[in-house]
Amino acid sequence: MTAKPTVEGLGIDLAAQSWQRSGSGDGSIEIAFAVVDSVDWILMRVAGDPDQRVLVFDRNEWDCFLDGARNGEFDDAALPGRRPVLFSTICTAFTTSRRNV
């Protein structure tokens, strides 16, 4: 298994990206699309994250993530009374499980 690429490893300048936001304020999800060596990468972060973490998806992972979101795979995380789940944990688990699909 190869390591998941990072923004730093890909040489992506986060400040140079055009970020699309899900809303305003801290907690909004931000998405950017970058191309490195003719490969599409999708970057995802949470506005206001003090650690400034960025998830990196390749095109297949992104398509799988969107498919899962459309089909309710993450709905349990939003149920009342549930312990909050970090979005990055959901995404990491999801992309790891989808690698063998």
Protein backbone atom coordinates (compact mmCIF):
# COMPACT_ATOMS: atom_id res chain seq x y z
CA MET A 1 0.00 0.00 0.00
CA THR A 2 1.42 3.37 -0.95
CA ALA A 3 1.10 6.38 1.32
CA LYS A 4 -1.66 8.88 0.68
CA PRO A 5 -0.28 11.97 -1.08
CA THR A 6 -0.10 15.22 0.84
CA VAL A 7 -0.40 18.82 -0.29
CA GLU A 8 3.26 19.32 0.58
CA GLY A 9 4.35 16.18 -1.25
CA LEU A 10 2.47 17.26 -4.37
CA GLY A 11 3.91 20.78 -4.16
CA ILE A 12 0.48 22.44 -4.12
CA ASP A 13 0.32 26.08 -3.03
CA LEU A 14 -2.90 26.32 -1.01
CA ALA A 15 -3.00 30.12 -1.23
CA ALA A 16 -2.98 29.93 -5.04
CA GLN A 17 -6.08 27.69 -5.18
CA SER A 18 -9.61 28.84 -5.97
CA TRP A 19 -11.60 27.52 -3.00
CA GLN A 20 -15.35 26.86 -3.20
CA ARG A 21 -17.21 27.09 0.13
CA SER A 22 -20.27 25.31 1.44
CA GLY A 23 -21.26 28.34 3.51
CA SER A 24 -19.76 31.18 5.48
CA GLY A 25 -17.77 31.18 8.69
CA ASP A 26 -15.81 28.57 10.58
CA GLY A 27 -16.91 25.00 9.96
CA SER A 28 -17.72 25.52 6.29
CA ILE A 29 -16.30 22.91 3.95
CA GLU A 30 -13.94 24.26 1.28
CA ILE A 31 -13.06 22.42 -1.94
CA ALA A 32 -10.39 23.21 -4.53
CA PHE A 33 -9.36 21.42 -7.70
CA ALA A 34 -5.66 21.23 -8.57
CA VAL A 35 -3.71 19.62 -11.40
CA VAL A 36 -0.20 18.32 -10.78
CA ASP A 37 1.70 16.59 -13.60
CA SER A 38 -1.55 16.15 -15.58
CA VAL A 39 -3.27 14.43 -12.62
CA ASP A 40 -6.43 15.90 -11.08
CA TRP A 41 -6.45 16.30 -7.30
CA ILE A 42 -9.33 17.44 -5.14
CA LEU A 43 -8.49 19.27 -1.92
CA MET A 44 -10.91 19.52 1.00
CA ARG A 45 -10.56 21.49 4.23
CA VAL A 46 -12.70 22.90 7.01
CA ALA A 47 -12.68 26.69 7.35
CA GLY A 48 -11.30 27.74 10.71
CA ASP A 49 -9.52 24.44 11.42
CA PRO A 50 -6.71 25.50 13.78
CA ASP A 51 -4.48 22.70 12.45
CA GLN A 52 -5.20 23.73 8.82
CA ARG A 53 -5.58 20.10 7.73
CA VAL A 54 -6.27 19.41 4.07
CA LEU A 55 -7.60 16.13 2.71
CA VAL A 56 -6.30 15.10 -0.72
CA PHE A 57 -8.44 12.97 -3.02
CA ASP A 58 -7.59 11.58 -6.43
CA ARG A 59 -10.40 11.60 -9.02
CA ASN A 60 -11.55 8.04 -8.21
CA GLU A 61 -11.66 8.71 -4.46
CA TRP A 62 -13.61 11.92 -5.05
CA ASP A 63 -16.14 10.16 -7.27
CA CYS A 64 -16.56 7.45 -4.60
CA PHE A 65 -16.97 10.09 -1.89
CA LEU A 66 -19.66 11.89 -3.88
CA ASP A 67 -21.41 8.60 -4.59
CA GLY A 68 -21.41 7.77 -0.87
CA ALA A 69 -22.73 11.19 0.08
CA ARG A 70 -25.50 10.96 -2.51
CA ASN A 71 -26.47 7.49 -1.26
CA GLY A 72 -26.60 8.38 2.44
CA GLU A 73 -23.45 6.63 3.65
CA PHE A 74 -22.70 9.51 6.04
CA ASP A 75 -26.24 10.15 7.28
CA ASP A 76 -25.64 8.34 10.60
CA ALA A 77 -23.13 11.01 11.62
CA ALA A 78 -25.89 13.63 11.58
CA LEU A 79 -28.45 11.78 13.72
CA PRO A 80 -29.53 13.46 16.99
CA GLY A 81 -27.84 12.04 20.08
CA ARG A 82 -24.86 10.75 18.12
CA ARG A 83 -21.38 11.65 19.18
CA PRO A 84 -19.92 14.18 16.73
CA VAL A 85 -17.60 12.57 14.22
CA LEU A 86 -14.72 14.51 12.73
CA PHE A 87 -15.29 14.99 9.02
CA SER A 88 -11.67 14.07 8.32
CA THR A 89 -12.17 10.74 10.12
CA ILE A 90 -15.19 9.96 7.96
CA CYS A 91 -13.35 10.87 4.78
CA THR A 92 -10.23 8.90 5.70
CA ALA A 93 -12.25 5.80 6.58
CA PHE A 94 -14.35 6.14 3.45
CA THR A 95 -11.48 6.56 1.02
CA THR A 96 -9.52 3.73 2.66
CA SER A 97 -12.49 1.36 2.37
CA ARG A 98 -13.10 2.35 -1.27
CA ARG A 99 -9.55 1.62 -2.46
CA ASN A 100 -10.44 -2.03 -2.99
CA VAL A 101 -13.61 -1.27 -4.98
